[in-house]
Full PDB file with SEQRES, HELIX, SHEET, SSBOND, CRYST1, ORIGX, SCALE, CONECT and MASTER records, all heavy atoms in Angstrom:
SEQRES   1 A   42  MET ALA GLU VAL PHE ARG ALA LYS ARG SER GLY VAL GLU          
SEQRES   2 A   42  GLY PHE GLU LYS VAL VAL ALA VAL LYS ARG ILE LEU SER          
SEQRES   3 A   42  HIS LEU SER ASP ASN LYS GLU PHE VAL ASP MET PHE VAL          
SEQRES   4 A   42  ASP GLU ALA                                                  
HELIX    1 AA1 VAL A   12  GLY A   14  5                                   3    
HELIX    2 AA2 SER A   26  SER A   29  1                                   4    
HELIX    3 AA3 LYS A   32  GLU A   41  1                                  10    
SHEET    1 AA1 2 ALA A   2  SER A  10  0                                        
SHEET    2 AA1 2 GLU A  16  ILE A  24 -1                                        
CRYST1    1.000    1.000    1.000  90.00  90.00  90.00 P 1           1          
ORIGX1      1.000000  0.000000  0.000000        0.00000                         
ORIGX2      0.000000  1.000000  0.000000        0.00000                         
ORIGX3      0.000000  0.000000  1.000000        0.00000                         
SCALE1      1.000000  0.000000  0.000000        0.00000                         
SCALE2      0.000000  1.000000  0.000000        0.00000                         
SCALE3      0.000000  0.000000  1.000000        0.00000                         
ATOM      1  N   MET A   1       2.782   2.896 -12.082  1.00  0.00           N  
ATOM      2  CA  MET A   1       2.965   3.569 -10.812  1.00  0.00           C  
ATOM      3  C   MET A   1       2.780   2.626  -9.630  1.00  0.00           C  
ATOM      4  O   MET A   1       3.384   2.813  -8.580  1.00  0.00           O  
ATOM      5  CB  MET A   1       1.970   4.727 -10.678  1.00  0.00           C  
ATOM      6  CG  MET A   1       2.344   5.728  -9.595  1.00  0.00           C  
ATOM      7  SD  MET A   1       1.135   7.064  -9.441  1.00  0.00           S  
ATOM      8  CE  MET A   1       0.044   6.384  -8.205  1.00  0.00           C  
ATOM      9  N   ALA A   2       1.961   1.618  -9.772  1.00  0.00           N  
ATOM     10  CA  ALA A   2       1.642   0.761  -8.632  1.00  0.00           C  
ATOM     11  C   ALA A   2       1.169  -0.603  -9.108  1.00  0.00           C  
ATOM     12  O   ALA A   2       0.812  -0.795 -10.270  1.00  0.00           O  
ATOM     13  CB  ALA A   2       0.557   1.416  -7.775  1.00  0.00           C  
ATOM     14  N   GLU A   3       1.190  -1.546  -8.172  1.00  0.00           N  
ATOM     15  CA  GLU A   3       0.526  -2.830  -8.381  1.00  0.00           C  
ATOM     16  C   GLU A   3      -0.445  -3.032  -7.223  1.00  0.00           C  
ATOM     17  O   GLU A   3      -0.208  -2.566  -6.106  1.00  0.00           O  
ATOM     18  CB  GLU A   3       1.529  -3.975  -8.471  1.00  0.00           C  
ATOM     19  CG  GLU A   3       2.421  -4.154  -7.278  1.00  0.00           C  
ATOM     20  CD  GLU A   3       3.419  -5.287  -7.463  1.00  0.00           C  
ATOM     21  OE1 GLU A   3       3.244  -6.081  -8.410  1.00  0.00           O  
ATOM     22  OE2 GLU A   3       4.366  -5.382  -6.668  1.00  0.00           O  
ATOM     23  N   VAL A   4      -1.544  -3.711  -7.516  1.00  0.00           N  
ATOM     24  CA  VAL A   4      -2.617  -3.855  -6.537  1.00  0.00           C  
ATOM     25  C   VAL A   4      -2.869  -5.328  -6.260  1.00  0.00           C  
ATOM     26  O   VAL A   4      -2.958  -6.137  -7.188  1.00  0.00           O  
ATOM     27  CB  VAL A   4      -3.908  -3.177  -7.033  1.00  0.00           C  
ATOM     28  CG1 VAL A   4      -5.024  -3.329  -6.002  1.00  0.00           C  
ATOM     29  CG2 VAL A   4      -3.662  -1.708  -7.318  1.00  0.00           C  
ATOM     30  N   PHE A   5      -2.971  -5.655  -4.982  1.00  0.00           N  
ATOM     31  CA  PHE A   5      -3.257  -7.015  -4.551  1.00  0.00           C  
ATOM     32  C   PHE A   5      -4.555  -7.048  -3.752  1.00  0.00           C  
ATOM     33  O   PHE A   5      -4.838  -6.118  -2.987  1.00  0.00           O  
ATOM     34  CB  PHE A   5      -2.133  -7.543  -3.643  1.00  0.00           C  
ATOM     35  CG  PHE A   5      -0.826  -7.786  -4.336  1.00  0.00           C  
ATOM     36  CD1 PHE A   5       0.087  -6.753  -4.490  1.00  0.00           C  
ATOM     37  CD2 PHE A   5      -0.501  -9.040  -4.828  1.00  0.00           C  
ATOM     38  CE1 PHE A   5       1.310  -6.969  -5.118  1.00  0.00           C  
ATOM     39  CE2 PHE A   5       0.711  -9.267  -5.457  1.00  0.00           C  
ATOM     40  CZ  PHE A   5       1.619  -8.227  -5.606  1.00  0.00           C  
ATOM     41  N   ARG A   6      -5.311  -8.103  -3.930  1.00  0.00           N  
ATOM     42  CA  ARG A   6      -6.349  -8.423  -2.957  1.00  0.00           C  
ATOM     43  C   ARG A   6      -5.642  -9.151  -1.828  1.00  0.00           C  
ATOM     44  O   ARG A   6      -4.877 -10.087  -2.060  1.00  0.00           O  
ATOM     45  CB  ARG A   6      -7.433  -9.302  -3.583  1.00  0.00           C  
ATOM     46  CG  ARG A   6      -8.617  -9.576  -2.659  1.00  0.00           C  
ATOM     47  CD  ARG A   6      -9.767 -10.230  -3.419  1.00  0.00           C  
ATOM     48  NE  ARG A   6      -9.391 -11.532  -3.936  1.00  0.00           N  
ATOM     49  CZ  ARG A   6      -9.524 -12.683  -3.272  1.00  0.00           C  
ATOM     50  NH1 ARG A   6     -10.049 -12.687  -2.052  1.00  0.00           N  
ATOM     51  NH2 ARG A   6      -9.169 -13.823  -3.827  1.00  0.00           N  
ATOM     52  N   ALA A   7      -5.849  -8.662  -0.623  1.00  0.00           N  
ATOM     53  CA  ALA A   7      -5.072  -9.175   0.506  1.00  0.00           C  
ATOM     54  C   ALA A   7      -5.980  -9.393   1.709  1.00  0.00           C  
ATOM     55  O   ALA A   7      -7.137  -8.959   1.731  1.00  0.00           O  
ATOM     56  CB  ALA A   7      -3.942  -8.205   0.851  1.00  0.00           C  
ATOM     57  N   LYS A   8      -5.449 -10.060   2.688  1.00  0.00           N  
ATOM     58  CA  LYS A   8      -6.214 -10.348   3.893  1.00  0.00           C  
ATOM     59  C   LYS A   8      -5.357 -10.026   5.112  1.00  0.00           C  
ATOM     60  O   LYS A   8      -4.172 -10.338   5.163  1.00  0.00           O  
ATOM     61  CB  LYS A   8      -6.633 -11.817   3.909  1.00  0.00           C  
ATOM     62  CG  LYS A   8      -7.480 -12.214   5.111  1.00  0.00           C  
ATOM     63  CD  LYS A   8      -7.860 -13.695   5.051  1.00  0.00           C  
ATOM     64  CE  LYS A   8      -8.857 -13.968   3.945  1.00  0.00           C  
ATOM     65  NZ  LYS A   8      -9.335 -15.371   3.943  1.00  0.00           N  
ATOM     66  N   ARG A   9      -5.975  -9.395   6.078  1.00  0.00           N  
ATOM     67  CA  ARG A   9      -5.319  -9.146   7.352  1.00  0.00           C  
ATOM     68  C   ARG A   9      -6.035  -9.952   8.430  1.00  0.00           C  
ATOM     69  O   ARG A   9      -7.255  -9.911   8.540  1.00  0.00           O  
ATOM     70  CB  ARG A   9      -5.334  -7.664   7.711  1.00  0.00           C  
ATOM     71  CG  ARG A   9      -4.629  -7.364   9.037  1.00  0.00           C  
ATOM     72  CD  ARG A   9      -4.307  -5.916   9.214  1.00  0.00           C  
ATOM     73  NE  ARG A   9      -3.493  -5.704  10.410  1.00  0.00           N  
ATOM     74  CZ  ARG A   9      -2.859  -4.583  10.687  1.00  0.00           C  
ATOM     75  NH1 ARG A   9      -2.919  -3.562   9.838  1.00  0.00           N  
ATOM     76  NH2 ARG A   9      -2.138  -4.458  11.789  1.00  0.00           N  
ATOM     77  N   SER A  10      -5.269 -10.679   9.206  1.00  0.00           N  
ATOM     78  CA  SER A  10      -5.836 -11.523  10.251  1.00  0.00           C  
ATOM     79  C   SER A  10      -5.584 -10.909  11.621  1.00  0.00           C  
ATOM     80  O   SER A  10      -4.588 -10.204  11.835  1.00  0.00           O  
ATOM     81  CB  SER A  10      -5.221 -12.925  10.192  1.00  0.00           C  
ATOM     82  OG  SER A  10      -5.457 -13.523   8.939  1.00  0.00           O  
ATOM     83  N   GLY A  11      -6.488 -11.202  12.542  1.00  0.00           N  
ATOM     84  CA  GLY A  11      -6.357 -10.690  13.895  1.00  0.00           C  
ATOM     85  C   GLY A  11      -6.658 -11.767  14.916  1.00  0.00           C  
ATOM     86  O   GLY A  11      -6.638 -12.968  14.611  1.00  0.00           O  
ATOM     87  N   VAL A  12      -6.965 -11.348  16.133  1.00  0.00           N  
ATOM     88  CA  VAL A  12      -7.217 -12.291  17.221  1.00  0.00           C  
ATOM     89  C   VAL A  12      -8.536 -13.027  16.996  1.00  0.00           C  
ATOM     90  O   VAL A  12      -9.436 -12.539  16.308  1.00  0.00           O  
ATOM     91  CB  VAL A  12      -7.244 -11.552  18.576  1.00  0.00           C  
ATOM     92  CG1 VAL A  12      -5.893 -10.927  18.867  1.00  0.00           C  
ATOM     93  CG2 VAL A  12      -8.343 -10.512  18.600  1.00  0.00           C  
ATOM     94  N   GLU A  13      -8.632 -14.198  17.573  1.00  0.00           N  
ATOM     95  CA  GLU A  13      -9.857 -15.000  17.558  1.00  0.00           C  
ATOM     96  C   GLU A  13     -10.380 -15.252  16.145  1.00  0.00           C  
ATOM     97  O   GLU A  13     -11.582 -15.258  15.887  1.00  0.00           O  
ATOM     98  CB  GLU A  13     -10.951 -14.330  18.399  1.00  0.00           C  
ATOM     99  CG  GLU A  13     -10.578 -14.078  19.840  1.00  0.00           C  
ATOM    100  CD  GLU A  13     -10.360 -15.378  20.613  1.00  0.00           C  
ATOM    101  OE1 GLU A  13     -10.926 -16.407  20.211  1.00  0.00           O  
ATOM    102  OE2 GLU A  13      -9.612 -15.353  21.615  1.00  0.00           O  
ATOM    103  N   GLY A  14      -9.452 -15.428  15.202  1.00  0.00           N  
ATOM    104  CA  GLY A  14      -9.857 -15.751  13.838  1.00  0.00           C  
ATOM    105  C   GLY A  14     -10.397 -14.572  13.033  1.00  0.00           C  
ATOM    106  O   GLY A  14     -10.967 -14.764  11.955  1.00  0.00           O  
ATOM    107  N   PHE A  15     -10.210 -13.334  13.542  1.00  0.00           N  
ATOM    108  CA  PHE A  15     -10.678 -12.158  12.794  1.00  0.00           C  
ATOM    109  C   PHE A  15      -9.913 -12.035  11.479  1.00  0.00           C  
ATOM    110  O   PHE A  15      -8.684 -12.153  11.442  1.00  0.00           O  
ATOM    111  CB  PHE A  15     -10.483 -10.896  13.626  1.00  0.00           C  
ATOM    112  CG  PHE A  15     -10.782  -9.628  12.861  1.00  0.00           C  
ATOM    113  CD1 PHE A  15     -12.076  -9.148  12.749  1.00  0.00           C  
ATOM    114  CD2 PHE A  15      -9.760  -8.924  12.240  1.00  0.00           C  
ATOM    115  CE1 PHE A  15     -12.346  -7.990  12.039  1.00  0.00           C  
ATOM    116  CE2 PHE A  15     -10.023  -7.757  11.524  1.00  0.00           C  
ATOM    117  CZ  PHE A  15     -11.322  -7.297  11.434  1.00  0.00           C  
ATOM    118  N   GLU A  16     -10.641 -11.773  10.385  1.00  0.00           N  
ATOM    119  CA  GLU A  16     -10.020 -11.567   9.079  1.00  0.00           C  
ATOM    120  C   GLU A  16     -10.744 -10.454   8.333  1.00  0.00           C  
ATOM    121  O   GLU A  16     -11.961 -10.318   8.444  1.00  0.00           O  
ATOM    122  CB  GLU A  16     -10.080 -12.848   8.238  1.00  0.00           C  
ATOM    123  CG  GLU A  16      -9.205 -13.974   8.754  1.00  0.00           C  
ATOM    124  CD  GLU A  16      -9.237 -15.179   7.841  1.00  0.00           C  
ATOM    125  OE1 GLU A  16     -10.258 -15.369   7.141  1.00  0.00           O  
ATOM    126  OE2 GLU A  16      -8.243 -15.920   7.812  1.00  0.00           O  
ATOM    127  N   LYS A  17      -9.983  -9.695   7.589  1.00  0.00           N  
ATOM    128  CA  LYS A  17     -10.577  -8.621   6.776  1.00  0.00           C  
ATOM    129  C   LYS A  17      -9.867  -8.577   5.431  1.00  0.00           C  
ATOM    130  O   LYS A  17      -8.632  -8.541   5.365  1.00  0.00           O  
ATOM    131  CB  LYS A  17     -10.441  -7.264   7.468  1.00  0.00           C  
ATOM    132  CG  LYS A  17     -11.163  -6.132   6.724  1.00  0.00           C  
ATOM    133  CD  LYS A  17     -11.113  -4.856   7.513  1.00  0.00           C  
ATOM    134  CE  LYS A  17     -11.930  -3.757   6.826  1.00  0.00           C  
ATOM    135  NZ  LYS A  17     -13.364  -4.076   6.758  1.00  0.00           N  
ATOM    136  N   VAL A  18     -10.636  -8.609   4.358  1.00  0.00           N  
ATOM    137  CA  VAL A  18     -10.084  -8.513   3.013  1.00  0.00           C  
ATOM    138  C   VAL A  18      -9.962  -7.035   2.632  1.00  0.00           C  
ATOM    139  O   VAL A  18     -10.892  -6.258   2.817  1.00  0.00           O  
ATOM    140  CB  VAL A  18     -10.973  -9.251   1.987  1.00  0.00           C  
ATOM    141  CG1 VAL A  18     -10.444  -9.055   0.570  1.00  0.00           C  
ATOM    142  CG2 VAL A  18     -11.029 -10.740   2.319  1.00  0.00           C  
ATOM    143  N   VAL A  19      -8.799  -6.659   2.116  1.00  0.00           N  
ATOM    144  CA  VAL A  19      -8.533  -5.282   1.723  1.00  0.00           C  
ATOM    145  C   VAL A  19      -7.856  -5.289   0.359  1.00  0.00           C  
ATOM    146  O   VAL A  19      -7.461  -6.338  -0.162  1.00  0.00           O  
ATOM    147  CB  VAL A  19      -7.634  -4.560   2.750  1.00  0.00           C  
ATOM    148  CG1 VAL A  19      -8.297  -4.512   4.122  1.00  0.00           C  
ATOM    149  CG2 VAL A  19      -6.263  -5.218   2.832  1.00  0.00           C  
ATOM    150  N   ALA A  20      -7.698  -4.109  -0.206  1.00  0.00           N  
ATOM    151  CA  ALA A  20      -6.882  -3.933  -1.401  1.00  0.00           C  
ATOM    152  C   ALA A  20      -5.591  -3.252  -0.972  1.00  0.00           C  
ATOM    153  O   ALA A  20      -5.623  -2.222  -0.295  1.00  0.00           O  
ATOM    154  CB  ALA A  20      -7.619  -3.078  -2.429  1.00  0.00           C  
ATOM    155  N   VAL A  21      -4.471  -3.835  -1.331  1.00  0.00           N  
ATOM    156  CA  VAL A  21      -3.166  -3.258  -1.009  1.00  0.00           C  
ATOM    157  C   VAL A  21      -2.563  -2.713  -2.297  1.00  0.00           C  
ATOM    158  O   VAL A  21      -2.322  -3.470  -3.255  1.00  0.00           O  
ATOM    159  CB  VAL A  21      -2.223  -4.298  -0.369  1.00  0.00           C  
ATOM    160  CG1 VAL A  21      -0.812  -3.732  -0.233  1.00  0.00           C  
ATOM    161  CG2 VAL A  21      -2.751  -4.713   0.997  1.00  0.00           C  
ATOM    162  N   LYS A  22      -2.335  -1.423  -2.318  1.00  0.00           N  
ATOM    163  CA  LYS A  22      -1.747  -0.764  -3.480  1.00  0.00           C  
ATOM    164  C   LYS A  22      -0.301  -0.428  -3.155  1.00  0.00           C  
ATOM    165  O   LYS A  22      -0.024   0.395  -2.286  1.00  0.00           O  
ATOM    166  CB  LYS A  22      -2.518   0.506  -3.834  1.00  0.00           C  
ATOM    167  CG  LYS A  22      -1.990   1.218  -5.068  1.00  0.00           C  
ATOM    168  CD  LYS A  22      -2.912   2.356  -5.480  1.00  0.00           C  
ATOM    169  CE  LYS A  22      -2.489   2.963  -6.799  1.00  0.00           C  
ATOM    170  NZ  LYS A  22      -3.418   4.003  -7.263  1.00  0.00           N  
ATOM    171  N   ARG A  23       0.617  -1.108  -3.823  1.00  0.00           N  
ATOM    172  CA  ARG A  23       2.047  -0.943  -3.542  1.00  0.00           C  
ATOM    173  C   ARG A  23       2.695  -0.082  -4.607  1.00  0.00           C  
ATOM    174  O   ARG A  23       2.589  -0.345  -5.803  1.00  0.00           O  
ATOM    175  CB  ARG A  23       2.737  -2.306  -3.505  1.00  0.00           C  
ATOM    176  CG  ARG A  23       4.191  -2.258  -3.048  1.00  0.00           C  
ATOM    177  CD  ARG A  23       4.852  -3.612  -3.198  1.00  0.00           C  
ATOM    178  NE  ARG A  23       5.217  -3.879  -4.587  1.00  0.00           N  
ATOM    179  CZ  ARG A  23       6.419  -3.597  -5.103  1.00  0.00           C  
ATOM    180  NH1 ARG A  23       7.345  -3.044  -4.358  1.00  0.00           N  
ATOM    181  NH2 ARG A  23       6.672  -3.879  -6.368  1.00  0.00           N  
ATOM    182  N   ILE A  24       3.367   0.980  -4.179  1.00  0.00           N  
ATOM    183  CA  ILE A  24       4.071   1.859  -5.112  1.00  0.00           C  
ATOM    184  C   ILE A  24       5.307   1.135  -5.626  1.00  0.00           C  
ATOM    185  O   ILE A  24       6.081   0.568  -4.854  1.00  0.00           O  
ATOM    186  CB  ILE A  24       4.466   3.173  -4.419  1.00  0.00           C  
ATOM    187  CG1 ILE A  24       3.228   3.849  -3.835  1.00  0.00           C  
ATOM    188  CG2 ILE A  24       5.177   4.094  -5.396  1.00  0.00           C  
ATOM    189  CD1 ILE A  24       2.094   4.053  -4.811  1.00  0.00           C  
ATOM    190  N   LEU A  25       5.496   1.144  -6.930  1.00  0.00           N  
ATOM    191  CA  LEU A  25       6.609   0.413  -7.519  1.00  0.00           C  
ATOM    192  C   LEU A  25       7.957   1.016  -7.129  1.00  0.00           C  
ATOM    193  O   LEU A  25       8.073   2.213  -6.877  1.00  0.00           O  
ATOM    194  CB  LEU A  25       6.459   0.372  -9.043  1.00  0.00           C  
ATOM    195  CG  LEU A  25       5.195  -0.342  -9.551  1.00  0.00           C  
ATOM    196  CD1 LEU A  25       5.153  -0.346 -11.066  1.00  0.00           C  
ATOM    197  CD2 LEU A  25       5.130  -1.772  -9.019  1.00  0.00           C  
ATOM    198  N   SER A  26       8.950   0.150  -7.104  1.00  0.00           N  
ATOM    199  CA  SER A  26      10.237   0.533  -6.516  1.00  0.00           C  
ATOM    200  C   SER A  26      10.904   1.686  -7.251  1.00  0.00           C  
ATOM    201  O   SER A  26      11.583   2.503  -6.621  1.00  0.00           O  
ATOM    202  CB  SER A  26      11.172  -0.681  -6.495  1.00  0.00           C  
ATOM    203  OG  SER A  26      11.333  -1.215  -7.795  1.00  0.00           O  
ATOM    204  N   HIS A  27      10.715   1.808  -8.567  1.00  0.00           N  
ATOM    205  CA  HIS A  27      11.419   2.874  -9.285  1.00  0.00           C  
ATOM    206  C   HIS A  27      10.919   4.258  -8.876  1.00  0.00           C  
ATOM    207  O   HIS A  27      11.627   5.252  -9.044  1.00  0.00           O  
ATOM    208  CB  HIS A  27      11.286   2.688 -10.803  1.00  0.00           C  
ATOM    209  CG  HIS A  27       9.929   2.984 -11.353  1.00  0.00           C  
ATOM    210  ND1 HIS A  27       8.912   2.052 -11.357  1.00  0.00           N  
ATOM    211  CD2 HIS A  27       9.407   4.100 -11.910  1.00  0.00           C  
ATOM    212  CE1 HIS A  27       7.826   2.577 -11.905  1.00  0.00           C  
ATOM    213  NE2 HIS A  27       8.092   3.825 -12.243  1.00  0.00           N  
ATOM    214  N   LEU A  28       9.698   4.322  -8.310  1.00  0.00           N  
ATOM    215  CA  LEU A  28       9.184   5.612  -7.835  1.00  0.00           C  
ATOM    216  C   LEU A  28       9.580   5.889  -6.386  1.00  0.00           C  
ATOM    217  O   LEU A  28       9.477   7.023  -5.932  1.00  0.00           O  
ATOM    218  CB  LEU A  28       7.663   5.658  -7.975  1.00  0.00           C  
ATOM    219  CG  LEU A  28       7.147   5.823  -9.402  1.00  0.00           C  
ATOM    220  CD1 LEU A  28       5.634   5.731  -9.435  1.00  0.00           C  
ATOM    221  CD2 LEU A  28       7.606   7.152  -9.993  1.00  0.00           C  
ATOM    222  N   SER A  29      10.031   4.874  -5.691  1.00  0.00           N  
ATOM    223  CA  SER A  29      10.458   5.081  -4.306  1.00  0.00           C  
ATOM    224  C   SER A  29      11.690   5.962  -4.226  1.00  0.00           C  
ATOM    225  O   SER A  29      11.985   6.545  -3.176  1.00  0.00           O  
ATOM    226  CB  SER A  29      10.739   3.730  -3.638  1.00  0.00           C  
ATOM    227  OG  SER A  29       9.570   2.927  -3.613  1.00  0.00           O  
ATOM    228  N   ASP A  30      12.429   6.072  -5.324  1.00  0.00           N  
ATOM    229  CA  ASP A  30      13.616   6.925  -5.359  1.00  0.00           C  
ATOM    230  C   ASP A  30      13.282   8.364  -5.724  1.00  0.00           C  
ATOM    231  O   ASP A  30      14.160   9.227  -5.693  1.00  0.00           O  
ATOM    232  CB  ASP A  30      14.633   6.371  -6.363  1.00  0.00           C  
ATOM    233  CG  ASP A  30      15.124   4.987  -5.964  1.00  0.00           C  
ATOM    234  OD1 ASP A  30      15.235   4.743  -4.749  1.00  0.00           O  
ATOM    235  OD2 ASP A  30      15.384   4.165  -6.868  1.00  0.00           O  
ATOM    236  N   ASN A  31      12.027   8.613  -6.091  1.00  0.00           N  
ATOM    237  CA  ASN A  31      11.598   9.964  -6.454  1.00  0.00           C  
ATOM    238  C   ASN A  31      11.064  10.652  -5.198  1.00  0.00           C  
ATOM    239  O   ASN A  31       9.912  10.480  -4.821  1.00  0.00           O  
ATOM    240  CB  ASN A  31      10.518   9.875  -7.540  1.00  0.00           C  
ATOM    241  CG  ASN A  31      10.093  11.234  -8.064  1.00  0.00           C  
ATOM    242  OD1 ASN A  31      10.154  12.233  -7.360  1.00  0.00           O  
ATOM    243  ND2 ASN A  31       9.633  11.259  -9.305  1.00  0.00           N  
ATOM    244  N   LYS A  32      11.914  11.431  -4.538  1.00  0.00           N  
ATOM    245  CA  LYS A  32      11.542  12.004  -3.248  1.00  0.00           C  
ATOM    246  C   LYS A  32      10.334  12.923  -3.348  1.00  0.00           C  
ATOM    247  O   LYS A  32       9.453  12.918  -2.485  1.00  0.00           O  
ATOM    248  CB  LYS A  32      12.728  12.774  -2.650  1.00  0.00           C  
ATOM    249  CG  LYS A  32      12.461  13.285  -1.223  1.00  0.00           C  
ATOM    250  CD  LYS A  32      13.670  13.977  -0.660  1.00  0.00           C  
ATOM    251  CE  LYS A  32      13.414  14.336   0.812  1.00  0.00           C  
ATOM    252  NZ  LYS A  32      12.229  15.198   0.982  1.00  0.00           N  
ATOM    253  N   GLU A  33      10.254  13.694  -4.425  1.00  0.00           N  
ATOM    254  CA  GLU A  33       9.123  14.616  -4.584  1.00  0.00           C  
ATOM    255  C   GLU A  33       7.819  13.835  -4.695  1.00  0.00           C  
ATOM    256  O   GLU A  33       6.809  14.190  -4.087  1.00  0.00           O  
ATOM    257  CB  GLU A  33       9.328  15.490  -5.820  1.00  0.00           C  
ATOM    258  CG  GLU A  33       8.308  16.612  -5.939  1.00  0.00           C  
ATOM    259  CD  GLU A  33       8.584  17.521  -7.115  1.00  0.00           C  
ATOM    260  OE1 GLU A  33       9.414  17.150  -7.985  1.00  0.00           O  
ATOM    261  OE2 GLU A  33       7.966  18.594  -7.188  1.00  0.00           O  
ATOM    262  N   PHE A  34       7.858  12.746  -5.462  1.00  0.00           N  
ATOM    263  CA  PHE A  34       6.674  11.911  -5.588  1.00  0.00           C  
ATOM    264  C   PHE A  34       6.300  11.282  -4.253  1.00  0.00           C  
ATOM    265  O   PHE A  34       5.142  11.307  -3.835  1.00  0.00           O  
ATOM    266  CB  PHE A  34       6.902  10.809  -6.630  1.00  0.00           C  
ATOM    267  CG  PHE A  34       5.856   9.736  -6.613  1.00  0.00           C  
ATOM    268  CD1 PHE A  34       4.646   9.921  -7.256  1.00  0.00           C  
ATOM    269  CD2 PHE A  34       6.056   8.545  -5.917  1.00  0.00           C  
ATOM    270  CE1 PHE A  34       3.658   8.939  -7.230  1.00  0.00           C  
ATOM    271  CE2 PHE A  34       5.086   7.561  -5.884  1.00  0.00           C  
ATOM    272  CZ  PHE A  34       3.886   7.763  -6.546  1.00  0.00           C  
ATOM    273  N   VAL A  35       7.273  10.692  -3.574  1.00  0.00           N  
ATOM    274  CA  VAL A  35       7.005  10.005  -2.307  1.00  0.00           C  
ATOM    275  C   VAL A  35       6.439  10.969  -1.278  1.00  0.00           C  
ATOM    276  O   VAL A  35       5.457  10.662  -0.587  1.00  0.00           O  
ATOM    277  CB  VAL A  35       8.283   9.325  -1.777  1.00  0.00           C  
ATOM    278  CG1 VAL A  35       8.079   8.859  -0.337  1.00  0.00           C  
ATOM    279  CG2 VAL A  35       8.658   8.142  -2.659  1.00  0.00           C  
ATOM    280  N   ASP A  36       7.044  12.155  -1.165  1.00  0.00           N  
ATOM    281  CA  ASP A  36       6.564  13.143  -0.186  1.00  0.00           C  
ATOM    282  C   ASP A  36       5.119  13.526  -0.456  1.00  0.00           C  
ATOM    283  O   ASP A  36       4.297  13.600   0.467  1.00  0.00           O  
ATOM    284  CB  ASP A  36       7.453  14.388  -0.205  1.00  0.00           C  
ATOM    285  CG  ASP A  36       8.826  14.132   0.392  1.00  0.00           C  
ATOM    286  OD1 ASP A  36       9.008  13.081   1.035  1.00  0.00           O  
ATOM    287  OD2 ASP A  36       9.718  14.979   0.196  1.00  0.00           O  
ATOM    288  N   MET A  37       4.794  13.761  -1.730  1.00  0.00           N  
ATOM    289  CA  MET A  37       3.437  14.157  -2.065  1.00  0.00           C  
ATOM    290  C   MET A  37       2.470  12.990  -1.883  1.00  0.00           C  
ATOM    291  O   MET A  37       1.346  13.161  -1.391  1.00  0.00           O  
ATOM    292  CB  MET A  37       3.368  14.693  -3.492  1.00  0.00           C  
ATOM    293  CG  MET A  37       2.005  15.258  -3.859  1.00  0.00           C  
ATOM    294  SD  MET A  37       2.011  16.079  -5.473  1.00  0.00           S  
ATOM    295  CE  MET A  37       2.951  17.543  -5.088  1.00  0.00           C  
ATOM    296  N   PHE A  38       2.899  11.792  -2.244  1.00  0.00           N  
ATOM    297  CA  PHE A  38       2.066  10.611  -2.081  1.00  0.00           C  
ATOM    298  C   PHE A  38       1.698  10.410  -0.609  1.00  0.00           C  
ATOM    299  O   PHE A  38       0.540  10.177  -0.268  1.00  0.00           O  
ATOM    300  CB  PHE A  38       2.806   9.382  -2.619  1.00  0.00           C  
ATOM    301  CG  PHE A  38       2.098   8.087  -2.383  1.00  0.00           C  
ATOM    302  CD1 PHE A  38       1.066   7.685  -3.214  1.00  0.00           C  
ATOM    303  CD2 PHE A  38       2.447   7.265  -1.326  1.00  0.00           C  
ATOM    304  CE1 PHE A  38       0.403   6.486  -3.002  1.00  0.00           C  
ATOM    305  CE2 PHE A  38       1.793   6.063  -1.096  1.00  0.00           C  
ATOM    306  CZ  PHE A  38       0.771   5.675  -1.941  1.00  0.00           C  
ATOM    307  N   VAL A  39       2.688  10.513   0.266  1.00  0.00           N  
ATOM    308  CA  VAL A  39       2.454  10.327   1.694  1.00  0.00           C  
ATOM    309  C   VAL A  39       1.558  11.435   2.242  1.00  0.00           C  
ATOM    310  O   VAL A  39       0.608  11.172   2.996  1.00  0.00           O  
ATOM    311  CB  VAL A  39       3.794  10.272   2.460  1.00  0.00           C  
ATOM    312  CG1 VAL A  39       3.556  10.300   3.965  1.00  0.00           C  
ATOM    313  CG2 VAL A  39       4.582   9.013   2.070  1.00  0.00           C  
ATOM    314  N   ASP A  40       1.833  12.678   1.853  1.00  0.00           N  
ATOM    315  CA  ASP A  40       1.032  13.803   2.343  1.00  0.00           C  
ATOM    316  C   ASP A  40      -0.426  13.673   1.926  1.00  0.00           C  
ATOM    317  O   ASP A  40      -1.350  13.899   2.717  1.00  0.00           O  
ATOM    318  CB  ASP A  40       1.603  15.132   1.829  1.00  0.00           C  
ATOM    319  CG  ASP A  40       2.921  15.495   2.500  1.00  0.00           C  
ATOM    320  OD1 ASP A  40       3.240  14.885   3.538  1.00  0.00           O  
ATOM    321  OD2 ASP A  40       3.636  16.373   1.971  1.00  0.00           O  
ATOM    322  N   GLU A  41      -0.637  13.304   0.662  1.00  0.00           N  
ATOM    323  CA  GLU A  41      -2.002  13.183   0.162  1.00  0.00           C  
ATOM    324  C   GLU A  41      -2.725  12.008   0.811  1.00  0.00           C  
ATOM    325  O   GLU A  41      -3.907  12.096   1.151  1.00  0.00           O  
ATOM    326  CB  GLU A  41      -1.993  13.029  -1.365  1.00  0.00           C  
ATOM    327  CG  GLU A  41      -1.564  14.272  -2.114  1.00  0.00           C  
ATOM    328  CD  GLU A  41      -2.542  15.420  -1.965  1.00  0.00           C  
ATOM    329  OE1 GLU A  41      -3.761  15.205  -2.136  1.00  0.00           O  
ATOM    330  OE2 GLU A  41      -2.101  16.541  -1.670  1.00  0.00           O  
ATOM    331  N   ALA A  42      -2.011  10.905   1.013  1.00  0.00           N  
ATOM    332  CA  ALA A  42      -2.629   9.738   1.648  1.00  0.00           C  
ATOM    333  C   ALA A  42      -3.048  10.064   3.081  1.00  0.00           C  
ATOM    334  O   ALA A  42      -4.129   9.671   3.526  1.00  0.00           O  
ATOM    335  CB  ALA A  42      -1.661   8.561   1.632  1.00  0.00           C  
TER     336      ALA A  42                                                      
MASTER        0    0    0    3    2    0    0    6  335    1    0    4          
END                                                                             
């Protein structure tokens, strides 16, 4: 259903924050019912 990355977001003055990015796999992006529910729940 997804792949997860450890990622970093940078900001002004050298600000950085490590987060987990969970990306929904492309084959599910075509499933409108899944996408709608995923977005609503998130």
